[in-house]
Structures are given as C-alpha cells and as structure tokens.
Amino acid sequence: MGVSPLLDQAESASFDAPELFLQSVPRAMVHRAAVSEVLATGLRRMGEDHYRVGVQWPRSHSYYGRVAGRWHDPMLLAESVRQALLVIAHQEYGVPLGHKFLSSSLDYRIEPDGARLTERPAHILLDIRCRNIKRRGRSISAMDLDVECLRDGVRVGSGAISAQCVPESAYRRLRGERSDNQPGVPIPDAVRPGLVGRTSPFDVVLGVTRIDRVWTLRYDRDHPVLFDHPVDHVPGMVLMEAARQSALAVLGASGGLMVSCESAYQKYVEFDSACLVTATPRPPAGPGVRTVAVSLNQGGATAATCEVQILAV
C-alpha cells in the first residue's frame, strides 16, 4: 500500500468534491447505532466498480481522540475503510441492510502529515476500486476494496478490506447456538491506562497477566464506542485496538502513532472464554518507526493476527 506524492494541479482539482462532505450518511448504512459514530458523508460512482467516498474526521472523538496532541487517531482511517465498504455494498451493489458482513482482513497505512490536526475537521476522500466481486442475483456475496486516502488533493494513505456478506438467516445458521452469545467471563483488571495511551481503565482493552508481553483481551459490552450496537462476538475494531495497545505497551511508547496495521481474522473471538494477546517486537529497520507482530489466541487456536507499525514520540 504505497503513498504517492503531491498530485499535479489538474489531477488535484479532479478530487475536489465538496458535495461529498455536506452531511453524514444514514447511520443504518454503516451499521452504527449512534449518529456520532458515523464518519462517512457521501458517495459518488466514478465508473465500473470505482467509487469515491467522503469521510470526516472530527477534531475530537470520545474514543479515537488526539494522539500526542497533534494528530488524528489513525484508527479513524481503519473505521473509514470499514464504513466505505458498507456504504458501497448497500447503496451500489444492492446488499440489503439486514445482511451481516464478515471481514477476513482490514489494513491501512497513513503518512503522519496526513493525520495532522488543524483548526477544522479533516475531510478525507477515499478513492476506491472494488475487485474479486462475487455476485448473488442482484446483490453480491463478497468483495475486496483497494483504497487510496486523499487529503487536500494529496495521497496521504491507503487501505484495503476483504469481506463476505450473508443474509441474517444464513448468519444464524453459521453461528448456531452462538448467534445469541453474551459475555460469560468476568472483566479482568486493566493494565495501567497510561501504559497504552489511555487515561481511563474503561478505555483499556488489555487485562493484566503474569506473563511478559502477554495480556488477556479485556472488553466491556457497555462501552458506547467499542460496542456501539449488540453483537454476538468481539468486533474486529476491538481486536485492532488491542493490537495497538499491546504494541504501545511492549515498546514503552504510550504516545506513539500507529501509522499502519495489517490485520487478518481467522476465527470469531467469542465471549465465553479468555483471549490472549501476545506482542512480539521486530528488530528495528530504521529510525523512528517500530514494527510489532501481535497474535490473538483463544481456545488454543489463533483467532487473529496484526502487524503494527508505531512511530514513537
């Protein structure tokens, strides 16, 4: 996922699309209960399987807030890519709103300057190509998105997501008795919030263990952002946040900026047993940015893996 330099004047002008930032899309379109969690603001079809989606990053967010006082949280890019997939699937490919989306991977990369805070919310234009589309009648059953992230006519990042979409009835058959799962394990004690870039234990997703570089996944179904609506398993964004927090902890870089994350999801993380988060730093490849490999394991099997890059501050 490369990042391009400044566009020439003509190409930059082609990305001016103020009409894509006038208002949020309906919250149901991005599977959110709270309007405040909707980032997507507009969609334009550019050609066959080619779209542009506008998103707005707020200057202050209740969970994905400022990093080191000078950057937007790059996790907003990951959530923007996720929401873009949903908007395109529902609006352009006819996927009914009741369908479930099963993501197998979600990646992003951003330049630090692309995440800079200014006096206004950031208007981000996602230039998206859809591929590997599997069709089911008038709808689709799966597709991949390749995303270029632009800000002020400059490519500042990129992303990718792969997902399947299935009807509610098929999803309930797939999940079986787990389709109505509720948390069944006590919430473990949180690690010190300052260790993972947080100020409140309520926002910490790592629980303490006695094993070096290993934590237990910690979550509270009452969290208004991480669990915006009822689900029967731990959402992928919570797993990505656990990867980020474990990387910050193992590097001792609580104010670090997660400039990239490549995540793969092999299994659902269930509510009924502990999930272990293990962080392994890679040897430094150069100054500034450190890479950490994170695995999430439940029931003796790998549920998800993430490779995280942190710009230490």
Protein backbone atom coordinates (compact mmCIF):
# COMPACT_ATOMS: atom_id res chain seq x y z
CA MET A 1 0.00 0.00 0.00
CA GLY A 2 2.10 2.88 -1.26
CA VAL A 3 1.58 6.60 -0.77
CA SER A 4 2.00 8.97 -3.70
CA PRO A 5 3.48 12.48 -3.56
CA LEU A 6 1.69 15.69 -4.43
CA LEU A 7 -0.67 15.45 -7.37
CA ASP A 8 -0.34 17.84 -10.26
CA GLN A 9 -2.81 20.74 -10.36
CA ALA A 10 -5.19 19.18 -12.89
CA GLU A 11 -5.40 15.85 -11.10
CA SER A 12 -5.76 17.53 -7.73
CA ALA A 13 -8.71 19.55 -9.00
CA SER A 14 -10.44 16.35 -10.08
CA PHE A 15 -10.60 15.29 -6.43
CA ASP A 16 -12.42 18.43 -5.27
CA ALA A 17 -15.84 17.14 -4.26
CA PRO A 18 -17.37 19.41 -1.59
CA GLU A 19 -20.79 17.81 -2.11
CA LEU A 20 -19.42 14.61 -0.59
CA PHE A 21 -18.98 16.29 2.80
CA LEU A 22 -22.33 18.03 3.36
CA GLN A 23 -23.86 15.56 5.84
CA SER A 24 -23.43 12.12 7.34
CA VAL A 25 -24.90 9.12 5.58
CA PRO A 26 -27.77 7.37 7.44
CA ARG A 27 -26.36 5.53 10.45
CA ALA A 28 -28.04 2.25 9.41
CA MET A 29 -25.98 2.36 6.20
CA VAL A 30 -22.74 1.92 8.21
CA HIS A 31 -24.21 -0.35 10.91
CA ARG A 32 -23.95 2.19 13.69
CA ALA A 33 -26.49 2.96 16.42
CA ALA A 34 -25.08 6.38 17.31
CA VAL A 35 -25.05 9.19 14.76
CA SER A 36 -21.88 10.49 16.42
CA GLU A 37 -20.02 7.34 15.24
CA VAL A 38 -20.83 7.89 11.55
CA LEU A 39 -17.77 9.10 9.60
CA ALA A 40 -18.97 8.57 6.01
CA THR A 41 -20.55 11.65 4.43
CA GLY A 42 -21.10 10.88 0.75
CA LEU A 43 -20.64 8.52 -2.18
CA ARG A 44 -20.01 9.10 -5.88
CA ARG A 45 -19.79 6.45 -8.61
CA MET A 46 -16.82 7.12 -10.88
CA GLY A 47 -17.03 4.13 -13.20
CA GLU A 48 -17.43 0.38 -13.16
CA ASP A 49 -16.51 -0.81 -9.66
CA HIS A 50 -14.83 2.56 -8.99
CA TYR A 51 -16.14 4.92 -6.29
CA ARG A 52 -15.22 7.89 -4.16
CA VAL A 53 -16.43 8.15 -0.58
CA GLY A 54 -16.18 11.26 1.58
CA VAL A 55 -15.49 10.90 5.29
CA GLN A 56 -15.00 13.46 8.01
CA TRP A 57 -12.64 13.00 10.93
CA PRO A 58 -13.66 15.10 13.95
CA ARG A 59 -11.07 17.16 15.78
CA SER A 60 -12.19 15.43 18.97
CA HIS A 61 -13.63 11.95 19.35
CA SER A 62 -14.77 10.26 22.55
CA TYR A 63 -12.50 7.24 21.94
CA TYR A 64 -10.37 7.80 18.84
CA GLY A 65 -9.08 11.11 20.14
CA ARG A 66 -5.95 13.15 19.58
CA VAL A 67 -2.60 11.40 19.61
CA ALA A 68 0.23 13.32 21.28
CA GLY A 69 -1.88 16.46 20.90
CA ARG A 70 -1.05 16.86 17.20
CA TRP A 71 -2.55 14.01 15.17
CA HIS A 72 -5.91 12.47 14.43
CA ASP A 73 -6.06 8.87 15.60
CA PRO A 74 -5.18 6.78 12.51
CA MET A 75 -7.74 4.21 13.66
CA LEU A 76 -10.22 6.65 12.12
CA LEU A 77 -8.83 5.59 8.73
CA ALA A 78 -9.47 1.93 9.52
CA GLU A 79 -13.04 2.74 10.56
CA SER A 80 -13.47 4.91 7.45
CA VAL A 81 -12.48 2.00 5.20
CA ARG A 82 -14.91 -0.27 7.04
CA GLN A 83 -17.75 2.23 6.66
CA ALA A 84 -16.94 2.81 2.98
CA LEU A 85 -17.32 -0.91 2.31
CA LEU A 86 -20.77 -0.91 3.89
CA VAL A 87 -21.99 2.20 2.07
CA ILE A 88 -20.86 0.89 -1.32
CA ALA A 89 -22.26 -2.59 -0.70
CA HIS A 90 -25.68 -1.33 0.36
CA GLN A 91 -26.07 1.62 -2.00
CA GLU A 92 -24.35 0.39 -5.15
CA TYR A 93 -24.47 -3.41 -5.04
CA GLY A 94 -27.92 -3.92 -3.58
CA VAL A 95 -26.96 -5.66 -0.36
CA PRO A 96 -29.99 -5.46 1.99
CA LEU A 97 -29.49 -3.59 5.25
CA GLY A 98 -30.19 -6.71 7.33
CA HIS A 99 -27.24 -8.65 5.92
CA LYS A 100 -24.16 -9.44 8.02
CA PHE A 101 -20.61 -8.62 6.91
CA LEU A 102 -17.76 -10.99 7.73
CA SER A 103 -14.35 -9.38 7.30
CA SER A 104 -11.27 -11.55 6.81
CA SER A 105 -8.77 -8.68 6.67
CA LEU A 106 -8.50 -4.93 7.21
CA ASP A 107 -5.33 -2.92 6.53
CA TYR A 108 -4.35 0.72 6.49
CA ARG A 109 -1.27 2.89 6.17
CA ILE A 110 -1.01 6.64 6.67
CA GLU A 111 1.67 9.31 6.48
CA PRO A 112 1.98 11.23 9.77
CA ASP A 113 1.35 14.52 7.96
CA GLY A 114 -1.91 13.09 6.63
CA ALA A 115 -3.14 12.66 10.21
CA ARG A 116 -2.20 16.17 11.34
CA LEU A 117 -4.68 18.15 13.39
CA THR A 118 -5.81 21.54 12.11
CA GLU A 119 -8.40 24.08 13.22
CA ARG A 120 -11.12 22.22 11.28
CA PRO A 121 -12.33 18.62 10.96
CA ALA A 122 -10.40 16.69 8.31
CA HIS A 123 -12.23 16.00 5.05
CA ILE A 124 -10.85 12.73 3.70
CA LEU A 125 -11.60 11.46 0.21
CA LEU A 126 -11.35 7.70 -0.29
CA ASP A 127 -10.74 6.66 -3.89
CA ILE A 128 -11.89 3.03 -4.07
CA ARG A 129 -11.60 0.17 -6.53
CA CYS A 130 -13.74 -2.91 -5.89
CA ARG A 131 -12.42 -6.28 -7.04
CA ASN A 132 -12.94 -10.02 -6.59
CA ILE A 133 -16.67 -9.35 -6.60
CA LYS A 134 -18.83 -12.44 -6.16
CA ARG A 135 -22.41 -11.86 -7.25
CA ARG A 136 -25.61 -13.41 -5.92
CA GLY A 137 -28.58 -12.47 -8.10
CA ARG A 138 -28.99 -8.70 -7.96
CA SER A 139 -26.72 -8.47 -4.94
CA ILE A 140 -23.22 -9.67 -4.05
CA SER A 141 -21.84 -12.17 -1.56
CA ALA A 142 -18.22 -10.93 -1.28
CA MET A 143 -15.76 -8.32 -2.50
CA ASP A 144 -12.42 -6.69 -1.78
CA LEU A 145 -11.72 -2.95 -1.66
CA ASP A 146 -8.44 -1.21 -2.51
CA VAL A 147 -8.44 2.31 -1.11
CA GLU A 148 -6.36 5.44 -1.68
CA CYS A 149 -6.75 8.09 1.02
CA LEU A 150 -6.52 11.73 -0.06
CA ARG A 151 -6.48 14.93 1.93
CA ASP A 152 -6.34 18.34 0.27
CA GLY A 153 -5.55 16.69 -3.07
CA VAL A 154 -2.61 14.74 -1.66
CA ARG A 155 -2.45 10.99 -1.31
CA VAL A 156 -1.63 10.50 2.36
CA GLY A 157 -2.52 6.88 2.95
CA SER A 158 -4.12 3.70 1.71
CA GLY A 159 -6.20 0.81 2.90
CA ALA A 160 -7.77 -2.50 1.98
CA ILE A 161 -10.57 -4.70 3.23
CA SER A 162 -11.98 -8.11 2.28
CA ALA A 163 -15.44 -9.19 3.34
CA GLN A 164 -18.31 -11.55 2.73
CA CYS A 165 -21.95 -10.53 3.18
CA VAL A 166 -24.62 -13.05 4.14
CA PRO A 167 -28.33 -12.88 4.95
CA GLU A 168 -29.35 -12.82 8.61
CA SER A 169 -30.84 -16.31 8.34
CA ALA A 170 -27.64 -17.75 6.88
CA TYR A 171 -25.57 -15.99 9.53
CA ARG A 172 -27.67 -17.51 12.32
CA ARG A 173 -27.19 -20.96 10.82
CA LEU A 174 -23.44 -20.30 10.56
CA ARG A 175 -23.19 -19.20 14.18
CA GLY A 176 -25.58 -21.83 15.54
CA GLU A 177 -26.05 -21.62 19.28
CA ARG A 178 -23.52 -18.79 19.45
CA SER A 179 -25.75 -16.40 17.48
CA ASP A 180 -27.16 -15.02 20.75
CA ASN A 181 -23.90 -15.07 22.70
CA GLN A 182 -23.49 -12.81 25.71
CA PRO A 183 -20.31 -12.14 27.72
CA GLY A 184 -19.71 -15.01 30.12
CA VAL A 185 -16.34 -14.21 31.69
CA PRO A 186 -15.54 -11.54 34.31
CA ILE A 187 -13.86 -8.34 33.14
CA PRO A 188 -10.16 -8.65 34.14
CA ASP A 189 -8.21 -5.87 35.81
CA ALA A 190 -6.94 -3.34 33.28
CA VAL A 191 -3.30 -2.56 32.74
CA ARG A 192 -2.30 0.94 33.76
CA PRO A 193 -4.06 3.28 31.27
CA GLY A 194 -1.01 5.49 30.79
CA LEU A 195 0.95 2.49 29.55
CA VAL A 196 -1.32 2.14 26.49
CA GLY A 197 -2.09 5.77 25.67
CA ARG A 198 -5.33 5.97 27.64
CA THR A 199 -6.49 7.98 30.64
CA SER A 200 -9.32 5.74 31.93
CA PRO A 201 -9.42 1.99 32.65
CA PHE A 202 -12.81 1.95 30.88
CA ASP A 203 -10.99 2.51 27.58
CA VAL A 204 -8.29 -0.13 28.13
CA VAL A 205 -8.71 -3.43 26.24
CA LEU A 206 -5.78 -5.27 27.84
CA GLY A 207 -6.03 -7.15 31.11
CA VAL A 208 -3.06 -7.89 33.34
CA THR A 209 -1.34 -11.29 33.36
CA ARG A 210 1.87 -12.58 34.93
CA ILE A 211 3.41 -13.36 31.54
CA ASP A 212 5.79 -10.91 29.89
CA ARG A 213 4.39 -9.38 26.66
CA VAL A 214 1.12 -11.28 27.04
CA TRP A 215 -2.22 -9.84 28.12
CA THR A 216 -5.78 -11.04 28.23
CA LEU A 217 -8.30 -9.30 25.98
CA ARG A 218 -10.48 -7.03 28.07
CA TYR A 219 -13.80 -5.52 26.98
CA ASP A 220 -16.99 -4.12 28.42
CA ARG A 221 -20.18 -4.55 26.43
CA ASP A 222 -21.39 -1.24 27.89
CA HIS A 223 -18.66 0.71 26.09
CA PRO A 224 -20.52 3.17 23.81
CA VAL A 225 -17.93 3.13 21.01
CA LEU A 226 -16.31 -0.31 21.05
CA PHE A 227 -19.76 -1.90 21.38
CA ASP A 228 -21.94 0.66 19.64
CA HIS A 229 -24.67 -1.96 18.99
CA PRO A 230 -25.41 -5.55 20.09
CA VAL A 231 -23.10 -8.22 18.63
CA ASP A 232 -22.51 -11.93 19.30
CA HIS A 233 -18.68 -11.79 19.24
CA VAL A 234 -15.85 -9.31 19.82
CA PRO A 235 -15.72 -6.85 16.87
CA GLY A 236 -12.65 -6.62 14.65
CA MET A 237 -12.06 -2.97 15.58
CA VAL A 238 -11.69 -4.05 19.24
CA LEU A 239 -9.09 -6.62 18.19
CA MET A 240 -7.22 -3.96 16.21
CA GLU A 241 -7.32 -1.67 19.23
CA ALA A 242 -5.90 -4.49 21.38
CA ALA A 243 -3.07 -4.85 18.86
CA ARG A 244 -2.37 -1.13 19.06
CA GLN A 245 -2.40 -1.04 22.87
CA SER A 246 -0.15 -4.11 23.17
CA ALA A 247 2.33 -2.58 20.71
CA LEU A 248 2.44 0.68 22.66
CA ALA A 249 2.96 -1.25 25.89
CA VAL A 250 5.72 -3.53 24.64
CA LEU A 251 7.59 -0.60 23.05
CA GLY A 252 7.13 1.72 26.01
CA ALA A 253 5.75 4.32 23.59
CA SER A 254 2.41 5.34 25.12
CA GLY A 255 2.16 8.43 22.88
CA GLY A 256 3.12 6.58 19.70
CA LEU A 257 1.26 6.93 16.41
CA MET A 258 0.08 3.69 14.78
CA VAL A 259 0.96 4.58 11.19
CA SER A 260 -0.02 1.18 9.80
CA CYS A 261 -1.80 -2.01 10.71
CA GLU A 262 -2.28 -5.15 8.66
CA SER A 263 -4.85 -7.44 10.29
CA ALA A 264 -6.17 -10.87 9.39
CA TYR A 265 -9.12 -12.57 11.10
CA GLN A 266 -9.22 -16.36 11.11
CA LYS A 267 -11.91 -17.04 13.74
CA TYR A 268 -14.53 -15.20 15.75
CA VAL A 269 -13.35 -14.12 19.19
CA GLU A 270 -16.10 -15.46 21.41
CA PHE A 271 -17.44 -14.06 24.66
CA ASP A 272 -17.30 -17.29 26.65
CA SER A 273 -13.55 -17.78 27.18
CA ALA A 274 -10.35 -15.80 27.61
CA CYS A 275 -8.44 -14.49 24.60
CA LEU A 276 -4.69 -13.92 24.96
CA VAL A 277 -2.92 -11.01 23.23
CA THR A 278 0.79 -11.56 22.55
CA ALA A 279 3.08 -8.81 21.23
CA THR A 280 6.49 -9.51 19.67
CA PRO A 281 8.66 -6.54 18.61
CA ARG A 282 10.56 -6.90 15.35
CA PRO A 283 14.19 -5.73 15.07
CA PRO A 284 14.33 -2.02 14.18
CA ALA A 285 14.56 -1.47 10.42
CA GLY A 286 15.42 2.21 10.75
CA PRO A 287 14.94 5.27 12.94
CA GLY A 288 11.55 6.29 14.27
CA VAL A 289 9.15 3.51 13.25
CA ARG A 290 8.99 0.16 15.09
CA THR A 291 7.14 -2.97 13.98
CA VAL A 292 5.30 -5.30 16.35
CA ALA A 293 3.68 -8.63 15.48
CA VAL A 294 0.55 -9.28 17.54
CA SER A 295 -1.42 -12.51 17.79
CA LEU A 296 -4.76 -13.09 19.48
CA ASN A 297 -5.35 -16.67 20.59
CA GLN A 298 -8.44 -18.29 22.06
CA GLY A 299 -9.05 -21.91 22.93
CA GLY A 300 -5.59 -22.92 21.76
CA ALA A 301 -6.07 -21.51 18.25
CA THR A 302 -5.11 -18.26 16.54
CA ALA A 303 -8.16 -16.05 16.08
CA ALA A 304 -6.45 -13.00 14.56
CA THR A 305 -3.04 -11.56 13.75
CA CYS A 306 -1.92 -7.98 13.28
CA GLU A 307 1.35 -6.41 12.18
CA VAL A 308 1.55 -2.94 13.62
CA GLN A 309 3.94 -0.08 12.90
CA ILE A 310 4.36 2.57 15.58
CA LEU A 311 6.00 5.96 15.14
CA ALA A 312 7.45 6.57 18.59
CA VAL A 313 7.02 10.05 20.04
